[in-house]
Amino acid sequence: MLSKTSTTCFGTSKAEAKSRGSARVERLSRIVVRIHGDSMWPTFRDGDQVEAVAGLLPELGDIVVAKHPWKSVHIVKRVKDIQPSGFFLEGDNPDPTGSEDSHNFGPIPASLIIAAIPN
């Protein structure tokens, strides 16, 4: 189980990795996210609280918390495709008008991904 905030290093000491600016150092912390709206229905419902882990690189099929590319809000969506231009995110709601996602704003860069929600 991860602590509230921890640093994980692979193959080198924490101090050495940090001093070299190694990309292999990840900052992992848990955050609680409240779901607003029904774009992730039926997986999550409006008002649900879910725990996410910051600092994880998402994989295909993962649910992520991300910064909206155009608005000052965070979004919770599923990674439907990983493209050279970024992550294609989509809501789980089968209603095509039920989610504002990459169908509207295109793939988002990894820099906008905040956390992943463990399965």
N, C-alpha and C. Protein backbone atom coordinates (compact mmCIF):
# COMPACT_ATOMS: atom_id res chain seq x y z
N MET A 1 0.84 -1.18 0.00
CA MET A 1 0.00 0.00 0.00
C MET A 1 0.89 1.24 0.00
N LEU A 2 0.53 2.23 -0.77
CA LEU A 2 1.30 3.46 -0.85
C LEU A 2 1.01 4.34 0.34
N SER A 3 2.03 5.04 0.80
CA SER A 3 1.80 6.03 1.84
C SER A 3 1.15 7.24 1.20
N LYS A 4 0.75 8.20 2.02
CA LYS A 4 0.09 9.40 1.51
C LYS A 4 0.96 10.06 0.43
N THR A 5 2.25 10.19 0.68
CA THR A 5 3.17 10.71 -0.31
C THR A 5 4.45 9.90 -0.22
N SER A 6 4.93 9.40 -1.33
CA SER A 6 6.17 8.64 -1.32
C SER A 6 6.89 8.82 -2.64
N THR A 7 8.16 8.52 -2.65
CA THR A 7 8.96 8.57 -3.86
C THR A 7 9.48 7.18 -4.14
N THR A 8 9.32 6.71 -5.35
CA THR A 8 9.80 5.39 -5.73
C THR A 8 10.89 5.55 -6.78
N CYS A 9 12.00 4.87 -6.58
CA CYS A 9 13.10 4.93 -7.54
C CYS A 9 13.37 3.54 -8.08
N PHE A 10 13.77 3.44 -9.32
CA PHE A 10 14.09 2.16 -9.93
C PHE A 10 15.54 2.18 -10.39
N GLY A 11 16.39 1.37 -9.72
CA GLY A 11 17.76 1.18 -10.18
C GLY A 11 18.77 2.21 -9.75
N THR A 12 18.41 3.16 -8.91
CA THR A 12 19.36 4.17 -8.44
C THR A 12 18.86 4.73 -7.12
N SER A 13 19.74 5.38 -6.38
CA SER A 13 19.31 5.96 -5.11
C SER A 13 18.42 7.17 -5.37
N LYS A 14 17.57 7.50 -4.42
CA LYS A 14 16.68 8.65 -4.57
C LYS A 14 17.48 9.93 -4.79
N ALA A 15 18.51 10.13 -3.95
CA ALA A 15 19.31 11.35 -4.05
C ALA A 15 19.99 11.45 -5.41
N GLU A 16 20.56 10.34 -5.87
CA GLU A 16 21.25 10.34 -7.16
C GLU A 16 20.28 10.62 -8.31
N ALA A 17 19.13 9.97 -8.27
CA ALA A 17 18.14 10.16 -9.33
C ALA A 17 17.63 11.59 -9.36
N LYS A 18 17.35 12.15 -8.18
CA LYS A 18 16.85 13.52 -8.12
C LYS A 18 17.90 14.51 -8.62
N SER A 19 19.17 14.29 -8.24
CA SER A 19 20.22 15.23 -8.64
C SER A 19 20.45 15.21 -10.15
N ARG A 20 20.20 14.07 -10.78
CA ARG A 20 20.36 13.98 -12.24
C ARG A 20 19.08 14.32 -12.98
N GLY A 21 17.98 14.54 -12.24
CA GLY A 21 16.71 14.83 -12.89
C GLY A 21 16.15 13.63 -13.61
N SER A 22 16.40 12.44 -13.07
CA SER A 22 15.98 11.20 -13.73
C SER A 22 14.47 11.13 -13.90
N ALA A 23 14.04 10.69 -15.08
CA ALA A 23 12.62 10.49 -15.34
C ALA A 23 12.11 9.24 -14.65
N ARG A 24 13.03 8.43 -14.09
CA ARG A 24 12.62 7.20 -13.43
C ARG A 24 12.12 7.44 -12.01
N VAL A 25 12.20 8.66 -11.53
CA VAL A 25 11.68 8.97 -10.19
C VAL A 25 10.25 9.43 -10.36
N GLU A 26 9.36 8.78 -9.66
CA GLU A 26 7.95 9.14 -9.74
C GLU A 26 7.46 9.58 -8.37
N ARG A 27 6.66 10.59 -8.33
CA ARG A 27 6.05 11.05 -7.10
C ARG A 27 4.66 10.42 -7.05
N LEU A 28 4.42 9.58 -6.05
CA LEU A 28 3.15 8.88 -5.94
C LEU A 28 2.40 9.37 -4.72
N SER A 29 1.17 9.76 -4.89
CA SER A 29 0.33 10.14 -3.75
C SER A 29 -1.11 9.83 -4.09
N ARG A 30 -1.90 9.62 -3.06
CA ARG A 30 -3.31 9.32 -3.24
C ARG A 30 -4.13 10.59 -3.10
N ILE A 31 -5.12 10.72 -3.98
CA ILE A 31 -6.05 11.85 -3.90
C ILE A 31 -7.47 11.29 -3.96
N VAL A 32 -8.40 12.00 -3.36
CA VAL A 32 -9.81 11.61 -3.42
C VAL A 32 -10.52 12.57 -4.37
N VAL A 33 -11.28 12.02 -5.29
CA VAL A 33 -11.97 12.80 -6.31
C VAL A 33 -13.47 12.57 -6.17
N ARG A 34 -14.25 13.65 -6.20
CA ARG A 34 -15.71 13.54 -6.20
C ARG A 34 -16.19 13.65 -7.64
N ILE A 35 -17.02 12.71 -8.04
CA ILE A 35 -17.56 12.68 -9.41
C ILE A 35 -18.72 13.67 -9.52
N HIS A 36 -18.67 14.52 -10.55
CA HIS A 36 -19.76 15.46 -10.84
C HIS A 36 -20.29 15.15 -12.24
N GLY A 37 -21.57 14.91 -12.34
CA GLY A 37 -22.17 14.61 -13.64
C GLY A 37 -22.24 13.12 -13.90
N ASP A 38 -22.71 12.78 -15.10
CA ASP A 38 -22.92 11.36 -15.41
C ASP A 38 -22.14 10.88 -16.63
N SER A 39 -21.04 11.56 -16.95
CA SER A 39 -20.26 11.15 -18.12
C SER A 39 -19.58 9.79 -17.93
N MET A 40 -19.38 9.37 -16.68
CA MET A 40 -18.74 8.07 -16.42
C MET A 40 -19.76 7.03 -15.96
N TRP A 41 -21.06 7.34 -16.06
CA TRP A 41 -22.09 6.36 -15.74
C TRP A 41 -22.03 5.23 -16.76
N PRO A 42 -22.15 3.99 -16.44
CA PRO A 42 -22.57 3.43 -15.15
C PRO A 42 -21.41 3.10 -14.20
N THR A 43 -20.16 3.36 -14.60
CA THR A 43 -19.02 3.03 -13.74
C THR A 43 -19.05 3.84 -12.46
N PHE A 44 -19.24 5.16 -12.60
CA PHE A 44 -19.37 6.06 -11.45
C PHE A 44 -20.64 6.86 -11.60
N ARG A 45 -21.22 7.20 -10.46
CA ARG A 45 -22.44 8.03 -10.45
C ARG A 45 -22.12 9.40 -9.87
N ASP A 46 -22.95 10.37 -10.20
CA ASP A 46 -22.81 11.72 -9.67
C ASP A 46 -22.75 11.66 -8.15
N GLY A 47 -21.73 12.27 -7.56
CA GLY A 47 -21.57 12.28 -6.11
C GLY A 47 -20.64 11.21 -5.56
N ASP A 48 -20.31 10.18 -6.36
CA ASP A 48 -19.37 9.15 -5.89
C ASP A 48 -18.03 9.78 -5.55
N GLN A 49 -17.36 9.21 -4.57
CA GLN A 49 -15.98 9.60 -4.26
C GLN A 49 -15.08 8.42 -4.60
N VAL A 50 -14.02 8.69 -5.34
CA VAL A 50 -13.09 7.63 -5.74
C VAL A 50 -11.67 8.05 -5.39
N GLU A 51 -10.83 7.06 -5.14
CA GLU A 51 -9.43 7.32 -4.82
C GLU A 51 -8.59 7.12 -6.08
N ALA A 52 -7.70 8.07 -6.32
CA ALA A 52 -6.82 8.00 -7.48
C ALA A 52 -5.37 8.10 -7.01
N VAL A 53 -4.46 7.59 -7.82
CA VAL A 53 -3.03 7.61 -7.50
C VAL A 53 -2.33 8.53 -8.49
N ALA A 54 -1.75 9.61 -7.96
CA ALA A 54 -1.02 10.55 -8.80
C ALA A 54 0.38 10.01 -9.09
N GLY A 55 0.89 10.32 -10.26
CA GLY A 55 2.25 9.94 -10.61
C GLY A 55 2.37 8.65 -11.38
N LEU A 56 1.26 8.00 -11.70
CA LEU A 56 1.30 6.76 -12.48
C LEU A 56 1.06 7.07 -13.95
N LEU A 57 1.81 6.44 -14.82
CA LEU A 57 1.58 6.60 -16.26
C LEU A 57 0.42 5.68 -16.64
N PRO A 58 -0.67 6.24 -17.14
CA PRO A 58 -1.84 5.41 -17.45
C PRO A 58 -1.61 4.50 -18.65
N GLU A 59 -2.34 3.40 -18.64
CA GLU A 59 -2.31 2.45 -19.74
C GLU A 59 -3.69 2.42 -20.39
N LEU A 60 -3.76 1.79 -21.54
CA LEU A 60 -5.02 1.66 -22.26
C LEU A 60 -6.07 1.02 -21.36
N GLY A 61 -7.24 1.63 -21.27
CA GLY A 61 -8.33 1.11 -20.45
C GLY A 61 -8.39 1.68 -19.05
N ASP A 62 -7.32 2.36 -18.60
CA ASP A 62 -7.33 2.96 -17.26
C ASP A 62 -8.27 4.15 -17.21
N ILE A 63 -8.78 4.43 -16.03
CA ILE A 63 -9.56 5.65 -15.80
C ILE A 63 -8.62 6.66 -15.17
N VAL A 64 -8.64 7.88 -15.69
CA VAL A 64 -7.71 8.91 -15.22
C VAL A 64 -8.43 10.18 -14.78
N VAL A 65 -7.73 10.94 -13.96
CA VAL A 65 -8.13 12.30 -13.62
C VAL A 65 -7.18 13.19 -14.41
N ALA A 66 -7.74 14.14 -15.16
CA ALA A 66 -6.91 14.99 -16.01
C ALA A 66 -7.39 16.44 -15.94
N LYS A 67 -6.50 17.34 -16.31
CA LYS A 67 -6.89 18.74 -16.46
C LYS A 67 -7.58 18.87 -17.81
N HIS A 68 -8.72 19.55 -17.82
CA HIS A 68 -9.42 19.81 -19.08
C HIS A 68 -8.52 20.73 -19.91
N PRO A 69 -8.34 20.45 -21.20
CA PRO A 69 -7.42 21.27 -22.00
C PRO A 69 -7.91 22.70 -22.27
N TRP A 70 -9.21 22.96 -22.12
CA TRP A 70 -9.74 24.29 -22.43
C TRP A 70 -10.34 25.01 -21.24
N LYS A 71 -10.68 24.28 -20.19
CA LYS A 71 -11.38 24.87 -19.05
C LYS A 71 -10.57 24.67 -17.77
N SER A 72 -10.89 25.44 -16.76
CA SER A 72 -10.21 25.31 -15.47
C SER A 72 -10.93 24.30 -14.59
N VAL A 73 -11.08 23.08 -15.09
CA VAL A 73 -11.73 22.00 -14.34
C VAL A 73 -10.94 20.72 -14.54
N HIS A 74 -11.19 19.76 -13.66
CA HIS A 74 -10.61 18.43 -13.82
C HIS A 74 -11.68 17.50 -14.36
N ILE A 75 -11.26 16.51 -15.13
CA ILE A 75 -12.19 15.55 -15.71
C ILE A 75 -11.76 14.14 -15.33
N VAL A 76 -12.72 13.24 -15.29
CA VAL A 76 -12.46 11.82 -15.05
C VAL A 76 -12.95 11.07 -16.29
N LYS A 77 -12.03 10.42 -16.98
CA LYS A 77 -12.36 9.73 -18.24
C LYS A 77 -11.52 8.46 -18.36
N ARG A 78 -11.92 7.61 -19.31
CA ARG A 78 -11.19 6.36 -19.57
C ARG A 78 -10.24 6.56 -20.77
N VAL A 79 -9.04 5.99 -20.67
CA VAL A 79 -8.08 6.04 -21.78
C VAL A 79 -8.54 5.03 -22.83
N LYS A 80 -8.99 5.52 -23.98
CA LYS A 80 -9.48 4.66 -25.06
C LYS A 80 -8.42 4.39 -26.11
N ASP A 81 -7.43 5.28 -26.21
CA ASP A 81 -6.37 5.08 -27.19
C ASP A 81 -5.16 5.91 -26.75
N ILE A 82 -3.98 5.41 -27.07
CA ILE A 82 -2.76 6.16 -26.81
C ILE A 82 -2.12 6.43 -28.17
N GLN A 83 -2.03 7.71 -28.51
CA GLN A 83 -1.54 8.13 -29.81
C GLN A 83 -0.25 8.93 -29.65
N PRO A 84 0.51 9.13 -30.70
CA PRO A 84 1.71 9.96 -30.59
C PRO A 84 1.39 11.37 -30.07
N SER A 85 0.20 11.87 -30.38
CA SER A 85 -0.18 13.21 -29.94
C SER A 85 -0.73 13.25 -28.52
N GLY A 86 -0.97 12.09 -27.91
CA GLY A 86 -1.45 12.09 -26.53
C GLY A 86 -2.45 10.98 -26.26
N PHE A 87 -3.16 11.15 -25.16
CA PHE A 87 -4.14 10.16 -24.71
C PHE A 87 -5.53 10.55 -25.20
N PHE A 88 -6.22 9.60 -25.83
CA PHE A 88 -7.60 9.83 -26.27
C PHE A 88 -8.49 9.37 -25.12
N LEU A 89 -9.20 10.32 -24.50
CA LEU A 89 -10.04 10.05 -23.34
C LEU A 89 -11.50 10.06 -23.72
N GLU A 90 -12.27 9.17 -23.08
CA GLU A 90 -13.69 9.05 -23.40
C GLU A 90 -14.47 8.70 -22.14
N GLY A 91 -15.66 9.26 -22.01
CA GLY A 91 -16.53 8.89 -20.90
C GLY A 91 -17.14 7.52 -21.13
N ASP A 92 -17.57 6.87 -20.05
CA ASP A 92 -18.19 5.54 -20.16
C ASP A 92 -19.66 5.61 -20.56
N ASN A 93 -20.29 6.77 -20.40
CA ASN A 93 -21.72 6.90 -20.70
C ASN A 93 -21.96 6.59 -22.19
N PRO A 94 -22.83 5.61 -22.48
CA PRO A 94 -23.07 5.24 -23.88
C PRO A 94 -23.79 6.31 -24.70
N ASP A 95 -24.41 7.29 -24.03
CA ASP A 95 -25.08 8.39 -24.73
C ASP A 95 -24.00 9.28 -25.35
N PRO A 96 -23.99 9.44 -26.68
CA PRO A 96 -22.93 10.23 -27.32
C PRO A 96 -22.89 11.69 -26.87
N THR A 97 -23.99 12.19 -26.31
CA THR A 97 -24.00 13.57 -25.81
C THR A 97 -23.77 13.61 -24.30
N GLY A 98 -23.49 12.45 -23.69
CA GLY A 98 -23.36 12.37 -22.24
C GLY A 98 -21.98 12.69 -21.70
N SER A 99 -21.02 13.00 -22.58
CA SER A 99 -19.66 13.24 -22.10
C SER A 99 -18.94 14.24 -22.99
N GLU A 100 -18.27 15.18 -22.36
CA GLU A 100 -17.35 16.05 -23.09
C GLU A 100 -15.98 15.42 -22.93
N ASP A 101 -15.40 14.97 -24.02
CA ASP A 101 -14.16 14.20 -23.94
C ASP A 101 -13.31 14.44 -25.18
N SER A 102 -12.42 13.53 -25.50
CA SER A 102 -11.52 13.72 -26.65
C SER A 102 -12.26 13.78 -27.98
N HIS A 103 -13.51 13.35 -28.02
CA HIS A 103 -14.31 13.55 -29.24
C HIS A 103 -14.51 15.05 -29.47
N ASN A 104 -14.49 15.84 -28.39
CA ASN A 104 -14.66 17.28 -28.49
C ASN A 104 -13.33 18.03 -28.59
N PHE A 105 -12.34 17.64 -27.76
CA PHE A 105 -11.10 18.41 -27.68
C PHE A 105 -9.86 17.67 -28.17
N GLY A 106 -10.01 16.45 -28.66
CA GLY A 106 -8.87 15.69 -29.19
C GLY A 106 -8.03 15.06 -28.09
N PRO A 107 -6.96 14.38 -28.49
CA PRO A 107 -6.08 13.74 -27.50
C PRO A 107 -5.43 14.79 -26.60
N ILE A 108 -5.15 14.41 -25.36
CA ILE A 108 -4.49 15.34 -24.46
C ILE A 108 -3.08 14.84 -24.15
N PRO A 109 -2.14 15.76 -23.94
CA PRO A 109 -0.76 15.35 -23.63
C PRO A 109 -0.66 14.74 -22.23
N ALA A 110 0.37 13.95 -22.02
CA ALA A 110 0.60 13.31 -20.72
C ALA A 110 0.73 14.34 -19.61
N SER A 111 1.17 15.55 -19.94
CA SER A 111 1.34 16.59 -18.92
C SER A 111 0.02 17.00 -18.27
N LEU A 112 -1.12 16.70 -18.91
CA LEU A 112 -2.42 17.05 -18.34
C LEU A 112 -3.01 15.92 -17.50
N ILE A 113 -2.39 14.76 -17.50
CA ILE A 113 -2.86 13.64 -16.68
C ILE A 113 -2.39 13.86 -15.25
N ILE A 114 -3.33 13.85 -14.31
CA ILE A 114 -3.02 14.09 -12.90
C ILE A 114 -2.85 12.78 -12.14
N ALA A 115 -3.76 11.85 -12.37
CA ALA A 115 -3.77 10.61 -11.58
C ALA A 115 -4.52 9.52 -12.34
N ALA A 116 -4.32 8.29 -11.89
CA ALA A 116 -5.05 7.14 -12.43
C ALA A 116 -5.85 6.50 -11.30
N ILE A 117 -7.02 5.99 -11.63
CA ILE A 117 -7.88 5.33 -10.65
C ILE A 117 -7.63 3.83 -10.77
N PRO A 118 -7.10 3.21 -9.70
CA PRO A 118 -6.81 1.77 -9.77
C PRO A 118 -8.06 0.95 -10.04
N ASN A 119 -7.89 -0.15 -10.76
CA ASN A 119 -9.02 -1.05 -11.07
C ASN A 119 -9.40 -1.82 -9.83
